Amino acid sequence: VLYAIHISNDDDVEAEFNIYARYGMDDAGRCFLKLEGVPGAGGAVLKGPTERTLQAGTVRACAGLRDDAFFFDLQGFRETFATGDIRMTDDRDSLAGQNASALVIELPLVAISPSGEDFRIWASTSRIGD
């Protein structure tokens, strides 16, 4: 699977920047990340193991599992549904400890928008074959 992040800093739908991310695994089962085309990285390819911060100049990237950022009280929801009385509280989080896969890229704004103007960003995934 090829993950692509597209960035345009004008009204055109064509991307000025295309960041490509690929994941791989070695024979020992360790996962790796390779990032190409990252603005501000000076043409460097960022590659290395997941769960570690990769860096080229002021660009940093990390991929791996992160604690789910969303909060939800499933028990309180069920009790509310059953009784009709609101039973949700802010001290129960049914999603705590549930991991989500993440790819985070930090880069200088000037690398994609030199004058600070608005920009568009979107992502796509592609898979070769069936």
Protein backbone atom coordinates (compact mmCIF):
# COMPACT_ATOMS: atom_id res chain seq x y z
CA VAL A 1 0.00 0.00 0.00
CA LEU A 2 1.26 3.46 -0.90
CA TYR A 3 0.08 6.31 1.31
CA ALA A 4 0.26 9.75 -0.31
CA ILE A 5 -0.25 13.16 1.24
CA HIS A 6 -0.91 15.90 -1.33
CA ILE A 7 -0.45 19.61 -0.63
CA SER A 8 -1.46 22.55 -2.84
CA ASN A 9 -0.83 26.18 -1.92
CA ASP A 10 -3.00 27.73 -4.64
CA ASP A 11 -6.52 27.32 -6.04
CA ASP A 12 -5.44 24.59 -8.43
CA VAL A 13 -6.39 21.01 -7.61
CA GLU A 14 -2.94 19.85 -8.71
CA ALA A 15 -0.63 19.18 -5.80
CA GLU A 16 2.64 21.11 -5.59
CA PHE A 17 3.93 18.57 -3.06
CA ASN A 18 3.39 14.83 -2.82
CA ILE A 19 4.67 13.04 0.26
CA TYR A 20 4.85 9.26 -0.19
CA ALA A 21 4.87 6.86 2.76
CA ARG A 22 5.57 3.15 2.56
CA TYR A 23 5.73 0.59 5.34
CA GLY A 24 7.73 -2.61 5.33
CA MET A 25 8.72 -5.49 7.58
CA ASP A 26 12.00 -7.36 7.92
CA ASP A 27 12.48 -11.10 8.52
CA ALA A 28 12.43 -10.53 12.29
CA GLY A 29 8.95 -8.95 12.12
CA ARG A 30 10.13 -5.38 12.78
CA CYS A 31 8.21 -2.64 10.95
CA PHE A 32 9.85 0.19 9.05
CA LEU A 33 8.73 3.46 7.45
CA LYS A 34 10.05 5.23 4.35
CA LEU A 35 8.96 8.82 3.55
CA GLU A 36 9.83 10.53 0.29
CA GLY A 37 9.10 14.02 -1.02
CA VAL A 38 8.69 15.73 2.34
CA PRO A 39 8.88 19.52 1.89
CA GLY A 40 11.62 21.04 4.02
CA ALA A 41 13.66 17.82 4.20
CA GLY A 42 16.06 19.00 1.49
CA GLY A 43 15.36 15.99 -0.70
CA ALA A 44 16.29 13.56 2.06
CA VAL A 45 14.43 10.27 2.37
CA LEU A 46 13.36 9.65 5.94
CA LYS A 47 13.51 5.95 6.74
CA GLY A 48 13.81 3.85 9.83
CA PRO A 49 11.90 1.76 12.34
CA THR A 50 8.37 2.63 13.40
CA GLU A 51 7.81 3.83 16.96
CA ARG A 52 10.86 6.11 16.63
CA THR A 53 11.20 9.72 15.56
CA LEU A 54 12.88 10.11 12.18
CA GLN A 55 14.47 13.47 11.37
CA ALA A 56 15.96 15.35 8.40
CA GLY A 57 16.81 18.97 9.19
CA THR A 58 13.78 20.51 10.89
CA VAL A 59 11.42 17.82 9.55
CA ARG A 60 10.39 15.10 11.99
CA ALA A 61 8.16 12.08 11.44
CA CYS A 62 6.92 9.17 13.48
CA ALA A 63 4.67 6.22 12.70
CA GLY A 64 3.24 3.59 14.96
CA LEU A 65 0.61 2.88 17.56
CA ARG A 66 -0.80 5.69 19.71
CA ASP A 67 -3.42 5.76 22.41
CA ASP A 68 -6.81 6.56 20.89
CA ALA A 69 -7.38 10.29 21.23
CA PHE A 70 -11.16 10.04 21.52
CA PHE A 71 -13.13 9.78 24.76
CA PHE A 72 -16.33 7.82 25.26
CA ASP A 73 -18.12 6.44 28.32
CA LEU A 74 -19.70 3.27 26.92
CA GLN A 75 -20.96 2.11 30.31
CA GLY A 76 -22.63 5.47 30.92
CA PHE A 77 -24.14 5.41 27.43
CA ARG A 78 -25.65 1.97 28.03
CA GLU A 79 -26.99 2.97 31.43
CA THR A 80 -28.46 6.16 29.96
CA PHE A 81 -30.11 4.20 27.15
CA ALA A 82 -31.53 1.65 29.59
CA THR A 83 -32.84 4.08 32.21
CA GLY A 84 -33.49 7.30 30.29
CA ASP A 85 -31.43 9.17 32.92
CA ILE A 86 -28.08 10.58 31.89
CA ARG A 87 -25.41 8.38 33.45
CA MET A 88 -22.36 9.40 31.46
CA THR A 89 -19.39 10.71 33.45
CA ASP A 90 -16.02 12.19 32.59
CA ASP A 91 -14.02 9.67 34.65
CA ARG A 92 -14.71 6.58 32.48
CA ASP A 93 -13.10 6.24 29.06
CA SER A 94 -13.98 3.06 27.19
CA LEU A 95 -11.43 3.92 24.50
CA ALA A 96 -8.46 4.41 26.85
CA GLY A 97 -5.62 2.09 25.95
CA GLN A 98 -7.15 1.23 22.57
CA ASN A 99 -4.42 1.84 20.05
CA ALA A 100 -4.81 3.56 16.72
CA SER A 101 -2.22 3.57 13.94
CA ALA A 102 -0.79 7.01 13.27
CA LEU A 103 1.58 8.71 10.87
CA VAL A 104 2.70 12.15 12.08
CA ILE A 105 4.83 14.53 10.04
CA GLU A 106 6.10 17.84 11.41
CA LEU A 107 7.52 20.30 8.90
CA PRO A 108 8.07 24.05 8.72
CA LEU A 109 5.12 26.01 7.33
CA VAL A 110 7.44 28.03 5.11
CA ALA A 111 8.30 24.80 3.23
CA ILE A 112 4.75 24.55 1.85
CA SER A 113 3.48 28.11 2.14
CA PRO A 114 6.33 30.64 1.92
CA SER A 115 4.10 33.69 2.43
CA GLY A 116 1.77 32.04 4.95
CA GLU A 117 -1.16 31.80 2.54
CA ASP A 118 -3.82 29.12 2.86
CA PHE A 119 -3.09 25.68 1.52
CA ARG A 120 -5.02 22.50 0.80
CA ILE A 121 -4.05 19.07 2.03
CA TRP A 122 -5.57 15.69 1.22
CA ALA A 123 -4.46 12.06 1.30
CA SER A 124 -4.89 8.97 -0.81
CA THR A 125 -3.97 5.32 -0.63
CA SER A 126 -3.12 3.06 -3.53
CA ARG A 127 -2.64 -0.65 -3.81
CA ILE A 128 -1.05 -2.54 -6.67
CA GLY A 129 -3.00 -5.57 -7.81
CA ASP A 130 -6.11 -7.03 -6.30
